[in-house]
Every structure is written in C-alpha cells, then in structure tokens.
C-alpha cells in the first residue's frame, strides 16, 4: 500500500501504520464483501427459535459478522428424538407475496414454521413456533480483519526486523487475497486525497487482482449446474 500510494515514509505522522491499517480494515470489512463474494466465505447461520421469541426477530448483520443472509434455509427439531428430519423453509424477501399467504395482522396457531420472510432486517416465521427449533440459514461471512491495527500487527517484516510476519499479524488472510486487499485499500487513499490520475492507473492493476480472486470461486462453481429454487 505504501509503495502503490507513494506513502513510503513510515515516520510521516499523516500516514502512520495505524492509519494504513485503518484503510486496510475498512476495505476488507466494508467494501470487499460488496466487490467480491468468494466461495470459501459462504457459511451457515445456526440459531434456535421457540415460542418465547419476539416476532419478528431482528437481524443485525454487523453484530453477526455477515455481509448477507439468503436461502437456502432449513429447520429441524432441536430434540431429534421428537423428529430427526430436517425440513426446508420457504424463503421470502417480498412481503407482498408472503403476506398474501400469511396475512400480517392475523393470529396463527403455534406450529412448526414452514415459511420465513426476511425483510426490514427482520425474520418473520410462519407459523409461529410452538416449541424450540434449530434453524440454519445460508450466510456470507466477513472473517478478515487486522485486529487492533498497528498495535497488534507490529514487528517482523512490518518494521524490517524479519522475513515473515505470520507470528505477529492476527487473522492473516489467505495469500491469494493480499495484493487484492492492498490495491483496493490503496484506491481509497488515493481517492480521499484527490489523486485521481494515480487512482486511474492503480485501478487497472486492482481489476487484475480482483479477477484473479474471483477466478478461484469461478473454478469452484463451474462444475455445478444451477438448479431452480422451487
């Protein structure tokens, strides 16, 4: 990032290591999940619901560490002795279609939920649960961050005292992501300081590394045929 942006003087108080890590973390946690969604960050959100839950259930993606949640979604009895099977949940994000089937102001008999609406950062299960159930929803996680910025990620290569930084960098991302992260964060620095000519030059290289990151996901998915979700 320092080489790309020309901020090579680490003693410059305007561009300390802490500031560089702030830009890096901002890109990794806020922009990267919108730019590229890699296969390995697809995961599950597992939780339980029961008759005591608020309805609808609020969803805080930031607190959960997810960029998004989506179908498929499943539900099962928490106690497998009652029923060992797993059942798909019909996933809706359009309240018009959902409430055409489940009118919003009706009172429904508690039962095993079969439908769920994700809207307004809330989950509405219908029918409402009559006991404890385990729910599993597909999610995209945000799992990269350089914890505590320069305070934690100091030493070794970062200050020229070694040849590896794996012992001091916390939560280090996979190697194939690092140049994409670095060039993406560098673009934000150049943009914030109005260096648009340099920005346009760097953007071409950034596109190359972004495509290389996506290639791994494309290669993973190309053997799979997308099936209809009905």
C-alpha atoms as a PDB file:
ATOM      1  CA  UNK A   1       0.000   0.000   0.000  1.00  0.00           C
ATOM      2  CA  UNK A   2       2.821   2.409   0.790  1.00  0.00           C
ATOM      3  CA  UNK A   3       4.591   1.687  -2.477  1.00  0.00           C
ATOM      4  CA  UNK A   4       1.413   1.971  -4.538  1.00  0.00           C
ATOM      5  CA  UNK A   5       0.339   5.268  -2.985  1.00  0.00           C
ATOM      6  CA  UNK A   6       3.820   6.746  -2.597  1.00  0.00           C
ATOM      7  CA  UNK A   7       3.468   6.982   1.200  1.00  0.00           C
ATOM      8  CA  UNK A   8       6.779   5.244   1.883  1.00  0.00           C
ATOM      9  CA  UNK A   9       7.857   7.340   4.875  1.00  0.00           C
ATOM     10  CA  UNK A  10       6.643   5.478   7.931  1.00  0.00           C
ATOM     11  CA  UNK A  11       7.675   8.372  10.186  1.00  0.00           C
ATOM     12  CA  UNK A  12       5.199  10.704   8.448  1.00  0.00           C
ATOM     13  CA  UNK A  13       2.562  11.468  11.143  1.00  0.00           C
ATOM     14  CA  UNK A  14      -0.078  11.846   8.409  1.00  0.00           C
ATOM     15  CA  UNK A  15       0.433   8.237   7.286  1.00  0.00           C
ATOM     16  CA  UNK A  16       1.249   6.145  10.320  1.00  0.00           C
ATOM     17  CA  UNK A  17       0.955   2.369  10.346  1.00  0.00           C
ATOM     18  CA  UNK A  18      -2.268   2.754  12.330  1.00  0.00           C
ATOM     19  CA  UNK A  19      -3.816   4.860   9.564  1.00  0.00           C
ATOM     20  CA  UNK A  20      -2.694   2.403   6.892  1.00  0.00           C
ATOM     21  CA  UNK A  21      -4.316  -0.455   8.818  1.00  0.00           C
ATOM     22  CA  UNK A  22      -7.493   1.597   9.242  1.00  0.00           C
ATOM     23  CA  UNK A  23      -7.755   1.922   5.461  1.00  0.00           C
ATOM     24  CA  UNK A  24      -6.982  -1.764   5.030  1.00  0.00           C
ATOM     25  CA  UNK A  25      -9.599  -2.850   7.551  1.00  0.00           C
ATOM     26  CA  UNK A  26     -12.192  -0.503   6.050  1.00  0.00           C
ATOM     27  CA  UNK A  27     -11.692  -2.048   2.630  1.00  0.00           C
ATOM     28  CA  UNK A  28     -11.615  -5.638   3.874  1.00  0.00           C
ATOM     29  CA  UNK A  29     -14.696  -5.370   6.088  1.00  0.00           C
ATOM     30  CA  UNK A  30     -16.879  -2.858   4.224  1.00  0.00           C
ATOM     31  CA  UNK A  31     -16.025  -2.869   0.524  1.00  0.00           C
ATOM     32  CA  UNK A  32     -14.599  -6.324  -0.167  1.00  0.00           C
ATOM     33  CA  UNK A  33     -17.862  -8.200   0.642  1.00  0.00           C
ATOM     34  CA  UNK A  34     -19.685  -5.986  -1.878  1.00  0.00           C
ATOM     35  CA  UNK A  35     -16.972  -6.233  -4.536  1.00  0.00           C
ATOM     36  CA  UNK A  36     -16.200  -9.947  -4.421  1.00  0.00           C
ATOM     37  CA  UNK A  37     -18.015 -12.802  -2.710  1.00  0.00           C
ATOM     38  CA  UNK A  38     -15.636 -15.737  -2.556  1.00  0.00           C
ATOM     39  CA  UNK A  39     -16.753 -19.339  -2.243  1.00  0.00           C
ATOM     40  CA  UNK A  40     -14.858 -20.063   0.951  1.00  0.00           C
ATOM     41  CA  UNK A  41     -16.707 -17.343   2.876  1.00  0.00           C
ATOM     42  CA  UNK A  42     -20.083 -18.960   2.324  1.00  0.00           C
ATOM     43  CA  UNK A  43     -21.250 -20.362   5.618  1.00  0.00           C
ATOM     44  CA  UNK A  44     -24.285 -21.045   7.809  1.00  0.00           C
ATOM     45  CA  UNK A  45     -26.038 -19.032  10.464  1.00  0.00           C
ATOM     46  CA  UNK A  46     -27.229 -21.521  13.092  1.00  0.00           C
ATOM     47  CA  UNK A  47     -29.578 -20.464  15.878  1.00  0.00           C
ATOM     48  CA  UNK A  48     -32.684 -21.616  17.730  1.00  0.00           C
ATOM     49  CA  UNK A  49     -36.195 -20.227  17.952  1.00  0.00           C
ATOM     50  CA  UNK A  50     -39.061 -21.043  20.286  1.00  0.00           C
ATOM     51  CA  UNK A  51     -42.427 -19.726  21.426  1.00  0.00           C
ATOM     52  CA  UNK A  52     -40.773 -17.016  23.576  1.00  0.00           C
ATOM     53  CA  UNK A  53     -39.031 -15.237  20.663  1.00  0.00           C
ATOM     54  CA  UNK A  54     -40.112 -11.754  19.659  1.00  0.00           C
ATOM     55  CA  UNK A  55     -41.996 -11.707  16.365  1.00  0.00           C
ATOM     56  CA  UNK A  56     -40.467 -10.682  14.029  1.00  0.00           C
ATOM     57  CA  UNK A  57     -36.888 -11.481  15.060  1.00  0.00           C
ATOM     58  CA  UNK A  58     -34.400  -8.604  14.494  1.00  0.00           C
ATOM     59  CA  UNK A  59     -31.282  -9.338  12.416  1.00  0.00           C
ATOM     60  CA  UNK A  60     -28.066  -7.361  12.987  1.00  0.00           C
ATOM     61  CA  UNK A  61     -25.687  -8.452  10.228  1.00  0.00           C
ATOM     62  CA  UNK A  62     -22.796  -6.368  11.586  1.00  0.00           C
ATOM     63  CA  UNK A  63     -23.045  -7.973  15.016  1.00  0.00           C
ATOM     64  CA  UNK A  64     -23.272 -11.424  13.416  1.00  0.00           C
ATOM     65  CA  UNK A  65     -20.253 -10.794  11.182  1.00  0.00           C
ATOM     66  CA  UNK A  66     -22.211 -11.434   7.989  1.00  0.00           C
ATOM     67  CA  UNK A  67     -22.440  -9.424   4.790  1.00  0.00           C
ATOM     68  CA  UNK A  68     -25.737 -11.059   3.857  1.00  0.00           C
ATOM     69  CA  UNK A  69     -28.083 -13.956   4.542  1.00  0.00           C
ATOM     70  CA  UNK A  70     -30.196 -15.773   1.983  1.00  0.00           C
ATOM     71  CA  UNK A  71     -31.776 -19.061   1.011  1.00  0.00           C
ATOM     72  CA  UNK A  72     -31.481 -21.978   1.392  1.00  0.00           C
ATOM     73  CA  UNK A  73     -32.885 -22.121   4.905  1.00  0.00           C
ATOM     74  CA  UNK A  74     -33.737 -25.173   6.984  1.00  0.00           C
ATOM     75  CA  UNK A  75     -35.461 -26.023  10.234  1.00  0.00           C
ATOM     76  CA  UNK A  76     -35.360 -29.085  12.463  1.00  0.00           C
ATOM     77  CA  UNK A  77     -36.431 -30.166  15.922  1.00  0.00           C
ATOM     78  CA  UNK A  78     -33.770 -29.278  18.453  1.00  0.00           C
ATOM     79  CA  UNK A  79     -34.534 -32.559  20.143  1.00  0.00           C
ATOM     80  CA  UNK A  80     -34.015 -35.181  17.397  1.00  0.00           C
ATOM     81  CA  UNK A  81     -35.922 -37.730  19.491  1.00  0.00           C
ATOM     82  CA  UNK A  82     -39.096 -35.837  18.546  1.00  0.00           C
ATOM     83  CA  UNK A  83     -38.276 -35.883  14.834  1.00  0.00           C
ATOM     84  CA  UNK A  84     -34.812 -36.492  13.339  1.00  0.00           C
ATOM     85  CA  UNK A  85     -35.609 -34.920   9.940  1.00  0.00           C
ATOM     86  CA  UNK A  86     -34.550 -31.572   8.525  1.00  0.00           C
ATOM     87  CA  UNK A  87     -37.152 -29.526   6.657  1.00  0.00           C
ATOM     88  CA  UNK A  88     -36.608 -26.741   4.102  1.00  0.00           C
ATOM     89  CA  UNK A  89     -38.054 -23.337   4.892  1.00  0.00           C
ATOM     90  CA  UNK A  90     -39.807 -21.468   2.092  1.00  0.00           C
ATOM     91  CA  UNK A  91     -37.752 -18.259   1.875  1.00  0.00           C
ATOM     92  CA  UNK A  92     -39.396 -14.938   1.010  1.00  0.00           C
ATOM     93  CA  UNK A  93     -37.994 -11.436   0.679  1.00  0.00           C
ATOM     94  CA  UNK A  94     -41.099  -9.926  -0.916  1.00  0.00           C
ATOM     95  CA  UNK A  95     -43.658  -9.035   1.785  1.00  0.00           C
ATOM     96  CA  UNK A  96     -46.427  -8.766  -0.809  1.00  0.00           C
ATOM     97  CA  UNK A  97     -46.138 -12.449  -1.677  1.00  0.00           C
ATOM     98  CA  UNK A  98     -45.547 -13.536   1.911  1.00  0.00           C
ATOM     99  CA  UNK A  99     -48.479 -11.672   3.428  1.00  0.00           C
ATOM    100  CA  UNK A 100     -50.780 -12.842   0.644  1.00  0.00           C
ATOM    101  CA  UNK A 101     -50.310 -16.288   2.166  1.00  0.00           C
ATOM    102  CA  UNK A 102     -49.855 -15.253   5.805  1.00  0.00           C
ATOM    103  CA  UNK A 103     -51.859 -12.034   6.499  1.00  0.00           C
ATOM    104  CA  UNK A 104     -49.744  -9.832   8.713  1.00  0.00           C
ATOM    105  CA  UNK A 105     -52.397  -8.936  11.308  1.00  0.00           C
ATOM    106  CA  UNK A 106     -53.761 -12.449  11.836  1.00  0.00           C
ATOM    107  CA  UNK A 107     -53.130 -14.598  14.881  1.00  0.00           C
ATOM    108  CA  UNK A 108     -51.870 -18.052  13.935  1.00  0.00           C
ATOM    109  CA  UNK A 109     -51.785 -21.277  15.885  1.00  0.00           C
ATOM    110  CA  UNK A 110     -48.240 -22.056  17.073  1.00  0.00           C
ATOM    111  CA  UNK A 111     -46.764 -24.851  14.990  1.00  0.00           C
ATOM    112  CA  UNK A 112     -43.631 -25.948  13.178  1.00  0.00           C
ATOM    113  CA  UNK A 113     -42.604 -22.988  10.975  1.00  0.00           C
ATOM    114  CA  UNK A 114     -42.557 -23.697   7.242  1.00  0.00           C
ATOM    115  CA  UNK A 115     -42.187 -20.172   5.832  1.00  0.00           C
ATOM    116  CA  UNK A 116     -39.881 -17.270   6.645  1.00  0.00           C
ATOM    117  CA  UNK A 117     -39.844 -13.656   5.468  1.00  0.00           C
ATOM    118  CA  UNK A 118     -36.575 -11.695   5.511  1.00  0.00           C
ATOM    119  CA  UNK A 119     -37.442  -8.013   5.230  1.00  0.00           C
ATOM    120  CA  UNK A 120     -36.554  -4.777   7.024  1.00  0.00           C
ATOM    121  CA  UNK A 121     -33.667  -6.567   8.777  1.00  0.00           C
ATOM    122  CA  UNK A 122     -36.153  -8.905  10.438  1.00  0.00           C
ATOM    123  CA  UNK A 123     -37.133 -12.569  10.176  1.00  0.00           C
ATOM    124  CA  UNK A 124     -40.812 -13.466  10.382  1.00  0.00           C
ATOM    125  CA  UNK A 125     -41.512 -17.181  10.840  1.00  0.00           C
ATOM    126  CA  UNK A 126     -44.892 -18.697   9.959  1.00  0.00           C
ATOM    127  CA  UNK A 127     -46.477 -20.346  11.573  1.00  0.00           C
ATOM    128  CA  UNK A 128     -45.045 -19.113  14.844  1.00  0.00           C
ATOM    129  CA  UNK A 129     -43.031 -21.793  16.665  1.00  0.00           C
ATOM    130  CA  UNK A 130     -44.750 -23.939  19.252  1.00  0.00           C
ATOM    131  CA  UNK A 131     -41.507 -25.256  20.790  1.00  0.00           C
ATOM    132  CA  UNK A 132     -37.760 -24.988  20.296  1.00  0.00           C
ATOM    133  CA  UNK A 133     -36.465 -25.493  16.761  1.00  0.00           C
ATOM    134  CA  UNK A 134     -32.983 -25.281  15.246  1.00  0.00           C
ATOM    135  CA  UNK A 135     -32.693 -23.006  12.218  1.00  0.00           C
ATOM    136  CA  UNK A 136     -29.925 -22.946   9.623  1.00  0.00           C
ATOM    137  CA  UNK A 137     -29.716 -20.122   7.051  1.00  0.00           C
ATOM    138  CA  UNK A 138     -27.122 -19.615   4.325  1.00  0.00           C
ATOM    139  CA  UNK A 139     -24.858 -16.633   5.032  1.00  0.00           C
ATOM    140  CA  UNK A 140     -21.813 -14.823   3.701  1.00  0.00           C
ATOM    141  CA  UNK A 141     -19.324 -14.113   6.460  1.00  0.00           C
ATOM    142  CA  UNK A 142     -16.848 -11.300   6.964  1.00  0.00           C
ATOM    143  CA  UNK A 143     -13.957 -13.029   8.690  1.00  0.00           C
ATOM    144  CA  UNK A 144     -10.906 -10.956   7.799  1.00  0.00           C
ATOM    145  CA  UNK A 145      -9.561  -8.117   9.882  1.00  0.00           C
ATOM    146  CA  UNK A 146      -6.188  -6.969  11.073  1.00  0.00           C
ATOM    147  CA  UNK A 147      -7.065  -6.886  14.741  1.00  0.00           C
ATOM    148  CA  UNK A 148      -6.202  -3.690  16.626  1.00  0.00           C
ATOM    149  CA  UNK A 149      -4.411  -2.254  13.593  1.00  0.00           C
ATOM    150  CA  UNK A 150      -0.792  -1.386  14.071  1.00  0.00           C
ATOM    151  CA  UNK A 151      -0.930  -2.034  17.806  1.00  0.00           C
ATOM    152  CA  UNK A 152      -1.215  -5.778  17.258  1.00  0.00           C
ATOM    153  CA  UNK A 153       0.266  -6.094  13.785  1.00  0.00           C
ATOM    154  CA  UNK A 154       3.691  -4.687  14.583  1.00  0.00           C
ATOM    155  CA  UNK A 155       7.140  -6.161  14.275  1.00  0.00           C
ATOM    156  CA  UNK A 156       8.777  -8.616  11.894  1.00  0.00           C
ATOM    157  CA  UNK A 157       8.546  -7.559   8.254  1.00  0.00           C
ATOM    158  CA  UNK A 158       6.391  -4.567   9.184  1.00  0.00           C
ATOM    159  CA  UNK A 159       9.323  -2.853  10.854  1.00  0.00           C
ATOM    160  CA  UNK A 160      12.106  -4.580   8.924  1.00  0.00           C
ATOM    161  CA  UNK A 161      13.106  -6.967  11.690  1.00  0.00           C
ATOM    162  CA  UNK A 162      12.390 -10.268   9.998  1.00  0.00           C
ATOM    163  CA  UNK A 163      11.405 -12.191   6.909  1.00  0.00           C
ATOM    164  CA  UNK A 164       7.938 -13.319   7.938  1.00  0.00           C
ATOM    165  CA  UNK A 165       5.036 -11.639   9.665  1.00  0.00           C
ATOM    166  CA  UNK A 166       2.870 -14.691  10.382  1.00  0.00           C
ATOM    167  CA  UNK A 167       3.804 -14.637  14.051  1.00  0.00           C
ATOM    168  CA  UNK A 168       2.571 -11.080  14.567  1.00  0.00           C
ATOM    169  CA  UNK A 169      -0.189 -10.489  12.031  1.00  0.00           C
ATOM    170  CA  UNK A 170      -3.506 -11.526  13.534  1.00  0.00           C
ATOM    171  CA  UNK A 171      -6.177 -13.211  11.433  1.00  0.00           C
ATOM    172  CA  UNK A 172      -3.964 -13.118   8.363  1.00  0.00           C
ATOM    173  CA  UNK A 173      -5.991 -13.686   5.142  1.00  0.00           C
ATOM    174  CA  UNK A 174      -5.038 -16.274   2.557  1.00  0.00           C
ATOM    175  CA  UNK A 175      -2.071 -15.315   0.430  1.00  0.00           C
ATOM    176  CA  UNK A 176      -4.018 -15.067  -2.815  1.00  0.00           C
ATOM    177  CA  UNK A 177      -6.121 -12.243  -1.326  1.00  0.00           C
ATOM    178  CA  UNK A 178      -3.371  -9.983  -0.040  1.00  0.00           C
ATOM    179  CA  UNK A 179      -2.491  -7.999  -3.187  1.00  0.00           C
ATOM    180  CA  UNK A 180      -6.180  -7.538  -3.994  1.00  0.00           C
ATOM    181  CA  UNK A 181      -6.714  -6.172  -0.472  1.00  0.00           C
ATOM    182  CA  UNK A 182      -3.654  -3.912  -0.691  1.00  0.00           C
ATOM    183  CA  UNK A 183      -4.580  -2.381  -4.046  1.00  0.00           C
ATOM    184  CA  UNK A 184      -8.215  -1.960  -3.023  1.00  0.00           C
ATOM    185  CA  UNK A 185      -7.265  -0.084   0.149  1.00  0.00           C
ATOM    186  CA  UNK A 186      -4.713   1.980  -1.799  1.00  0.00           C
ATOM    187  CA  UNK A 187      -7.508   3.164  -4.106  1.00  0.00           C
ATOM    188  CA  UNK A 188      -9.360   4.591  -1.126  1.00  0.00           C
ATOM    189  CA  UNK A 189      -6.298   6.543  -0.014  1.00  0.00           C
ATOM    190  CA  UNK A 190      -5.764   7.974  -3.483  1.00  0.00           C
ATOM    191  CA  UNK A 191      -9.437   8.851  -3.803  1.00  0.00           C
ATOM    192  CA  UNK A 192      -9.619  10.550  -0.402  1.00  0.00           C
ATOM    193  CA  UNK A 193      -6.652  12.763  -1.267  1.00  0.00           C
ATOM    194  CA  UNK A 194      -7.889  13.633  -4.746  1.00  0.00           C
ATOM    195  CA  UNK A 195      -5.080  11.891  -6.612  1.00  0.00           C
ATOM    196  CA  UNK A 196      -7.351  10.761  -9.424  1.00  0.00           C
ATOM    197  CA  UNK A 197      -4.699  10.382 -12.125  1.00  0.00           C
ATOM    198  CA  UNK A 198      -2.828   7.945  -9.916  1.00  0.00           C
ATOM    199  CA  UNK A 199      -6.154   6.357  -8.941  1.00  0.00           C
ATOM    200  CA  UNK A 200      -6.965   5.577 -12.575  1.00  0.00           C
ATOM    201  CA  UNK A 201      -3.548   3.972 -13.059  1.00  0.00           C
ATOM    202  CA  UNK A 202      -3.826   1.818  -9.941  1.00  0.00           C
ATOM    203  CA  UNK A 203      -7.415   0.829 -10.707  1.00  0.00           C
ATOM    204  CA  UNK A 204      -6.301  -1.148 -13.763  1.00  0.00           C
ATOM    205  CA  UNK A 205      -3.979  -3.253 -11.610  1.00  0.00           C
ATOM    206  CA  UNK A 206      -6.662  -3.611  -8.950  1.00  0.00           C
ATOM    207  CA  UNK A 207      -9.051  -5.033 -11.568  1.00  0.00           C
ATOM    208  CA  UNK A 208      -6.451  -7.656 -12.449  1.00  0.00           C
ATOM    209  CA  UNK A 209      -6.070  -8.859  -8.858  1.00  0.00           C
ATOM    210  CA  UNK A 210      -9.828  -8.761  -8.282  1.00  0.00           C
ATOM    211  CA  UNK A 211     -10.329 -11.002 -11.312  1.00  0.00           C
ATOM    212  CA  UNK A 212      -7.693 -13.414 -10.005  1.00  0.00           C
ATOM    213  CA  UNK A 213      -9.509 -13.649  -6.674  1.00  0.00           C
ATOM    214  CA  UNK A 214     -12.812 -14.301  -8.422  1.00  0.00           C
ATOM    215  CA  UNK A 215     -11.217 -16.951 -10.628  1.00  0.00           C
ATOM    216  CA  UNK A 216     -10.877 -19.293  -7.645  1.00  0.00           C
ATOM    217  CA  UNK A 217     -14.593 -19.046  -6.946  1.00  0.00           C
ATOM    218  CA  UNK A 218     -15.480 -19.437 -10.632  1.00  0.00           C
ATOM    219  CA  UNK A 219     -13.321 -22.563 -10.839  1.00  0.00           C
ATOM    220  CA  UNK A 220     -15.052 -23.953  -7.755  1.00  0.00           C
ATOM    221  CA  UNK A 221     -18.530 -23.330  -9.150  1.00  0.00           C
ATOM    222  CA  UNK A 222     -18.092 -24.094 -12.832  1.00  0.00           C
ATOM    223  CA  UNK A 223     -18.724 -27.803 -12.373  1.00  0.00           C
ATOM    224  CA  UNK A 224     -22.028 -27.107 -10.642  1.00  0.00           C
ATOM    225  CA  UNK A 225     -25.254 -26.599 -12.520  1.00  0.00           C
ATOM    226  CA  UNK A 226     -27.598 -24.049 -11.025  1.00  0.00           C
ATOM    227  CA  UNK A 227     -30.936 -25.603 -10.202  1.00  0.00           C
ATOM    228  CA  UNK A 228     -34.259 -23.763  -9.847  1.00  0.00           C
ATOM    229  CA  UNK A 229     -35.255 -22.941  -6.283  1.00  0.00           C
ATOM    230  CA  UNK A 230     -38.785 -24.359  -6.481  1.00  0.00           C
END
